Amino acid sequence: MNRTRQTSVSVMSLLIYCALLGIAVAPAAIAVAWIANGQISPNTVFNAAVGGGICWLAGALALTITFLGNYFHAPVQGLLVSMLVRMGLPLAAIIALPKLSGPLAATSMTTTILGVYLVALIVETGLSLRMVPPQSRVPSAA
């Protein structure tokens, strides 16, 4: 059995996937923050930056964990841990940010994170599935 460490995606592809995630998250963050605030203002841009940054970071970490899972020949475990990170980081932000004072505690911040999370989830899931190698067919013993 060949135990060399190979993955279907290179480190450069991982960086490209993270960039593609950012390209998808940035306009979504601006649009969701605009809808949540009802206007374009410095507060809208701040909400978009924080909400988009949290969701991008969660997605980029999930992609990296999926890559490492493939690298260490544990694609299922990598996907499971990446799901935990992908859901846990935005959830922790939604729980923690309202307890802070200032613009981070605004209701529109929570709305922005939730809206951007849905877009990031779709994009990151598609990119993660492209990273996981197809299972090789094993002839049945029967």
C-alpha atoms as a PDB file:
ATOM      1  CA  MET A   1       0.000   0.000   0.000  1.00  0.00           C
ATOM      2  CA  ASN A   2       1.382   3.360  -0.970  1.00  0.00           C
ATOM      3  CA  ARG A   3       1.464   5.564   2.143  1.00  0.00           C
ATOM      4  CA  THR A   4       3.025   8.630   0.545  1.00  0.00           C
ATOM      5  CA  ARG A   5       1.371  11.823   1.583  1.00  0.00           C
ATOM      6  CA  GLN A   6      -0.567  13.094  -1.361  1.00  0.00           C
ATOM      7  CA  THR A   7      -3.682  15.129  -1.670  1.00  0.00           C
ATOM      8  CA  SER A   8      -5.808  16.006  -4.648  1.00  0.00           C
ATOM      9  CA  VAL A   9      -5.171  19.709  -3.926  1.00  0.00           C
ATOM     10  CA  SER A  10      -1.848  21.536  -3.623  1.00  0.00           C
ATOM     11  CA  VAL A  11      -1.062  24.323  -1.179  1.00  0.00           C
ATOM     12  CA  MET A  12      -1.387  26.808  -4.039  1.00  0.00           C
ATOM     13  CA  SER A  13      -4.879  25.484  -4.773  1.00  0.00           C
ATOM     14  CA  LEU A  14      -5.754  25.897  -1.094  1.00  0.00           C
ATOM     15  CA  LEU A  15      -4.683  29.543  -1.269  1.00  0.00           C
ATOM     16  CA  ILE A  16      -6.724  30.021  -4.448  1.00  0.00           C
ATOM     17  CA  TYR A  17      -9.759  28.430  -2.759  1.00  0.00           C
ATOM     18  CA  CYS A  18      -9.368  30.796   0.202  1.00  0.00           C
ATOM     19  CA  ALA A  19      -9.163  33.733  -2.201  1.00  0.00           C
ATOM     20  CA  LEU A  20     -12.285  32.541  -4.040  1.00  0.00           C
ATOM     21  CA  LEU A  21     -14.073  32.310  -0.705  1.00  0.00           C
ATOM     22  CA  GLY A  22     -13.059  35.891   0.017  1.00  0.00           C
ATOM     23  CA  ILE A  23     -14.269  37.025  -3.407  1.00  0.00           C
ATOM     24  CA  ALA A  24     -17.669  35.480  -2.667  1.00  0.00           C
ATOM     25  CA  VAL A  25     -17.888  36.702   0.936  1.00  0.00           C
ATOM     26  CA  ALA A  26     -16.928  40.360   0.383  1.00  0.00           C
ATOM     27  CA  PRO A  27     -19.883  41.442  -1.798  1.00  0.00           C
ATOM     28  CA  ALA A  28     -22.256  39.299   0.239  1.00  0.00           C
ATOM     29  CA  ALA A  29     -21.070  40.991   3.430  1.00  0.00           C
ATOM     30  CA  ILE A  30     -21.609  44.453   1.966  1.00  0.00           C
ATOM     31  CA  ALA A  31     -25.061  43.538   0.657  1.00  0.00           C
ATOM     32  CA  VAL A  32     -26.206  41.898   3.902  1.00  0.00           C
ATOM     33  CA  ALA A  33     -24.852  44.746   6.046  1.00  0.00           C
ATOM     34  CA  TRP A  34     -26.570  47.266   3.787  1.00  0.00           C
ATOM     35  CA  ILE A  35     -29.875  45.416   4.152  1.00  0.00           C
ATOM     36  CA  ALA A  36     -29.422  45.035   7.925  1.00  0.00           C
ATOM     37  CA  ASN A  37     -28.590  48.730   8.454  1.00  0.00           C
ATOM     38  CA  GLY A  38     -30.992  50.095   5.860  1.00  0.00           C
ATOM     39  CA  GLN A  39     -28.384  52.493   4.494  1.00  0.00           C
ATOM     40  CA  ILE A  40     -24.775  52.798   3.426  1.00  0.00           C
ATOM     41  CA  SER A  41     -22.792  54.369   6.247  1.00  0.00           C
ATOM     42  CA  PRO A  42     -19.469  53.876   8.006  1.00  0.00           C
ATOM     43  CA  ASN A  43     -21.311  51.550  10.414  1.00  0.00           C
ATOM     44  CA  THR A  44     -22.483  49.455   7.452  1.00  0.00           C
ATOM     45  CA  VAL A  45     -18.926  49.109   6.183  1.00  0.00           C
ATOM     46  CA  PHE A  46     -17.742  48.212   9.698  1.00  0.00           C
ATOM     47  CA  ASN A  47     -20.447  45.550  10.050  1.00  0.00           C
ATOM     48  CA  ALA A  48     -19.586  44.151   6.622  1.00  0.00           C
ATOM     49  CA  ALA A  49     -15.876  44.021   7.470  1.00  0.00           C
ATOM     50  CA  VAL A  50     -16.362  42.307  10.830  1.00  0.00           C
ATOM     51  CA  GLY A  51     -19.137  39.931   9.706  1.00  0.00           C
ATOM     52  CA  GLY A  52     -17.374  39.076   6.469  1.00  0.00           C
ATOM     53  CA  GLY A  53     -14.051  38.678   8.250  1.00  0.00           C
ATOM     54  CA  ILE A  54     -15.477  36.273  10.807  1.00  0.00           C
ATOM     55  CA  CYS A  55     -17.179  34.164   8.148  1.00  0.00           C
ATOM     56  CA  TRP A  56     -14.144  34.224   5.845  1.00  0.00           C
ATOM     57  CA  LEU A  57     -11.852  33.206   8.693  1.00  0.00           C
ATOM     58  CA  ALA A  58     -14.145  30.326   9.636  1.00  0.00           C
ATOM     59  CA  GLY A  59     -14.341  29.185   6.000  1.00  0.00           C
ATOM     60  CA  ALA A  60     -10.589  29.520   5.398  1.00  0.00           C
ATOM     61  CA  LEU A  61      -9.828  27.531   8.557  1.00  0.00           C
ATOM     62  CA  ALA A  62     -12.329  24.874   7.476  1.00  0.00           C
ATOM     63  CA  LEU A  63     -10.689  24.636   4.050  1.00  0.00           C
ATOM     64  CA  THR A  64      -7.263  24.346   5.668  1.00  0.00           C
ATOM     65  CA  ILE A  65      -8.445  21.603   8.022  1.00  0.00           C
ATOM     66  CA  THR A  66      -9.991  19.728   5.104  1.00  0.00           C
ATOM     67  CA  PHE A  67      -6.681  20.038   3.233  1.00  0.00           C
ATOM     68  CA  LEU A  68      -4.763  18.717   6.253  1.00  0.00           C
ATOM     69  CA  GLY A  69      -7.238  15.863   6.657  1.00  0.00           C
ATOM     70  CA  ASN A  70      -6.561  14.809   3.080  1.00  0.00           C
ATOM     71  CA  TYR A  71      -2.826  15.236   3.561  1.00  0.00           C
ATOM     72  CA  PHE A  72      -2.830  12.894   6.555  1.00  0.00           C
ATOM     73  CA  HIS A  73      -5.125  10.360   4.806  1.00  0.00           C
ATOM     74  CA  ALA A  74      -8.110  11.148   7.036  1.00  0.00           C
ATOM     75  CA  PRO A  75     -10.529  12.993   4.732  1.00  0.00           C
ATOM     76  CA  VAL A  76     -13.669  12.156   6.721  1.00  0.00           C
ATOM     77  CA  GLN A  77     -12.160  13.267  10.006  1.00  0.00           C
ATOM     78  CA  GLY A  78     -10.868  16.417   8.326  1.00  0.00           C
ATOM     79  CA  LEU A  79     -14.334  17.243   7.029  1.00  0.00           C
ATOM     80  CA  LEU A  80     -15.910  16.638  10.442  1.00  0.00           C
ATOM     81  CA  VAL A  81     -13.444  18.877  12.255  1.00  0.00           C
ATOM     82  CA  SER A  82     -13.791  21.521   9.551  1.00  0.00           C
ATOM     83  CA  MET A  83     -17.566  21.473  10.040  1.00  0.00           C
ATOM     84  CA  LEU A  84     -17.051  22.104  13.748  1.00  0.00           C
ATOM     85  CA  VAL A  85     -14.815  25.095  13.051  1.00  0.00           C
ATOM     86  CA  ARG A  86     -17.051  26.385  10.240  1.00  0.00           C
ATOM     87  CA  MET A  87     -20.081  26.434  12.544  1.00  0.00           C
ATOM     88  CA  GLY A  88     -18.371  27.111  15.868  1.00  0.00           C
ATOM     89  CA  LEU A  89     -16.501  30.319  15.091  1.00  0.00           C
ATOM     90  CA  PRO A  90     -19.499  32.315  13.774  1.00  0.00           C
ATOM     91  CA  LEU A  91     -21.682  30.899  16.561  1.00  0.00           C
ATOM     92  CA  ALA A  92     -19.157  31.968  19.186  1.00  0.00           C
ATOM     93  CA  ALA A  93     -19.057  35.440  17.613  1.00  0.00           C
ATOM     94  CA  ILE A  94     -22.853  35.700  17.622  1.00  0.00           C
ATOM     95  CA  ILE A  95     -22.912  34.756  21.303  1.00  0.00           C
ATOM     96  CA  ALA A  96     -19.961  36.923  22.389  1.00  0.00           C
ATOM     97  CA  LEU A  97     -20.353  40.126  20.361  1.00  0.00           C
ATOM     98  CA  PRO A  98     -23.710  41.264  21.836  1.00  0.00           C
ATOM     99  CA  LYS A  99     -22.143  41.113  25.299  1.00  0.00           C
ATOM    100  CA  LEU A 100     -19.584  43.735  24.262  1.00  0.00           C
ATOM    101  CA  SER A 101     -20.313  47.427  24.155  1.00  0.00           C
ATOM    102  CA  GLY A 102     -20.121  49.703  21.155  1.00  0.00           C
ATOM    103  CA  PRO A 103     -20.780  48.949  17.497  1.00  0.00           C
ATOM    104  CA  LEU A 104     -19.930  45.255  17.886  1.00  0.00           C
ATOM    105  CA  ALA A 105     -22.999  44.783  20.081  1.00  0.00           C
ATOM    106  CA  ALA A 106     -25.434  46.097  17.455  1.00  0.00           C
ATOM    107  CA  THR A 107     -28.240  43.832  16.303  1.00  0.00           C
ATOM    108  CA  SER A 108     -27.249  44.518  12.705  1.00  0.00           C
ATOM    109  CA  MET A 109     -23.868  42.871  13.418  1.00  0.00           C
ATOM    110  CA  THR A 110     -25.560  39.595  14.336  1.00  0.00           C
ATOM    111  CA  THR A 111     -27.790  39.835  11.276  1.00  0.00           C
ATOM    112  CA  THR A 112     -24.774  40.486   9.055  1.00  0.00           C
ATOM    113  CA  ILE A 113     -22.880  37.494  10.436  1.00  0.00           C
ATOM    114  CA  LEU A 114     -25.879  35.198   9.935  1.00  0.00           C
ATOM    115  CA  GLY A 115     -26.521  36.370   6.390  1.00  0.00           C
ATOM    116  CA  VAL A 116     -22.900  36.170   5.310  1.00  0.00           C
ATOM    117  CA  TYR A 117     -22.535  32.781   7.011  1.00  0.00           C
ATOM    118  CA  LEU A 118     -25.154  31.280   4.686  1.00  0.00           C
ATOM    119  CA  VAL A 119     -23.303  32.484   1.595  1.00  0.00           C
ATOM    120  CA  ALA A 120     -19.923  31.391   2.974  1.00  0.00           C
ATOM    121  CA  LEU A 121     -21.366  27.999   3.893  1.00  0.00           C
ATOM    122  CA  ILE A 122     -22.495  27.309   0.336  1.00  0.00           C
ATOM    123  CA  VAL A 123     -19.206  28.407  -1.225  1.00  0.00           C
ATOM    124  CA  GLU A 124     -16.978  26.717   1.343  1.00  0.00           C
ATOM    125  CA  THR A 125     -18.894  23.431   1.145  1.00  0.00           C
ATOM    126  CA  GLY A 126     -18.499  23.342  -2.629  1.00  0.00           C
ATOM    127  CA  LEU A 127     -14.785  24.064  -2.383  1.00  0.00           C
ATOM    128  CA  SER A 128     -14.312  21.470   0.389  1.00  0.00           C
ATOM    129  CA  LEU A 129     -15.990  18.789  -1.685  1.00  0.00           C
ATOM    130  CA  ARG A 130     -13.601  19.540  -4.552  1.00  0.00           C
ATOM    131  CA  MET A 131     -10.703  18.880  -2.176  1.00  0.00           C
ATOM    132  CA  VAL A 132     -11.772  15.431  -1.053  1.00  0.00           C
ATOM    133  CA  PRO A 133     -10.459  12.741  -3.401  1.00  0.00           C
ATOM    134  CA  PRO A 134     -12.966  10.285  -4.849  1.00  0.00           C
ATOM    135  CA  GLN A 135     -12.918   6.890  -3.209  1.00  0.00           C
ATOM    136  CA  SER A 136     -11.190   4.231  -5.220  1.00  0.00           C
ATOM    137  CA  ARG A 137     -13.350   1.318  -6.190  1.00  0.00           C
ATOM    138  CA  VAL A 138     -12.539  -1.849  -4.300  1.00  0.00           C
ATOM    139  CA  PRO A 139     -13.771  -5.098  -5.811  1.00  0.00           C
ATOM    140  CA  SER A 140     -16.251  -6.870  -3.595  1.00  0.00           C
ATOM    141  CA  ALA A 141     -15.192 -10.108  -1.909  1.00  0.00           C
ATOM    142  CA  ALA A 142     -18.353 -11.939  -2.985  1.00  0.00           C
END
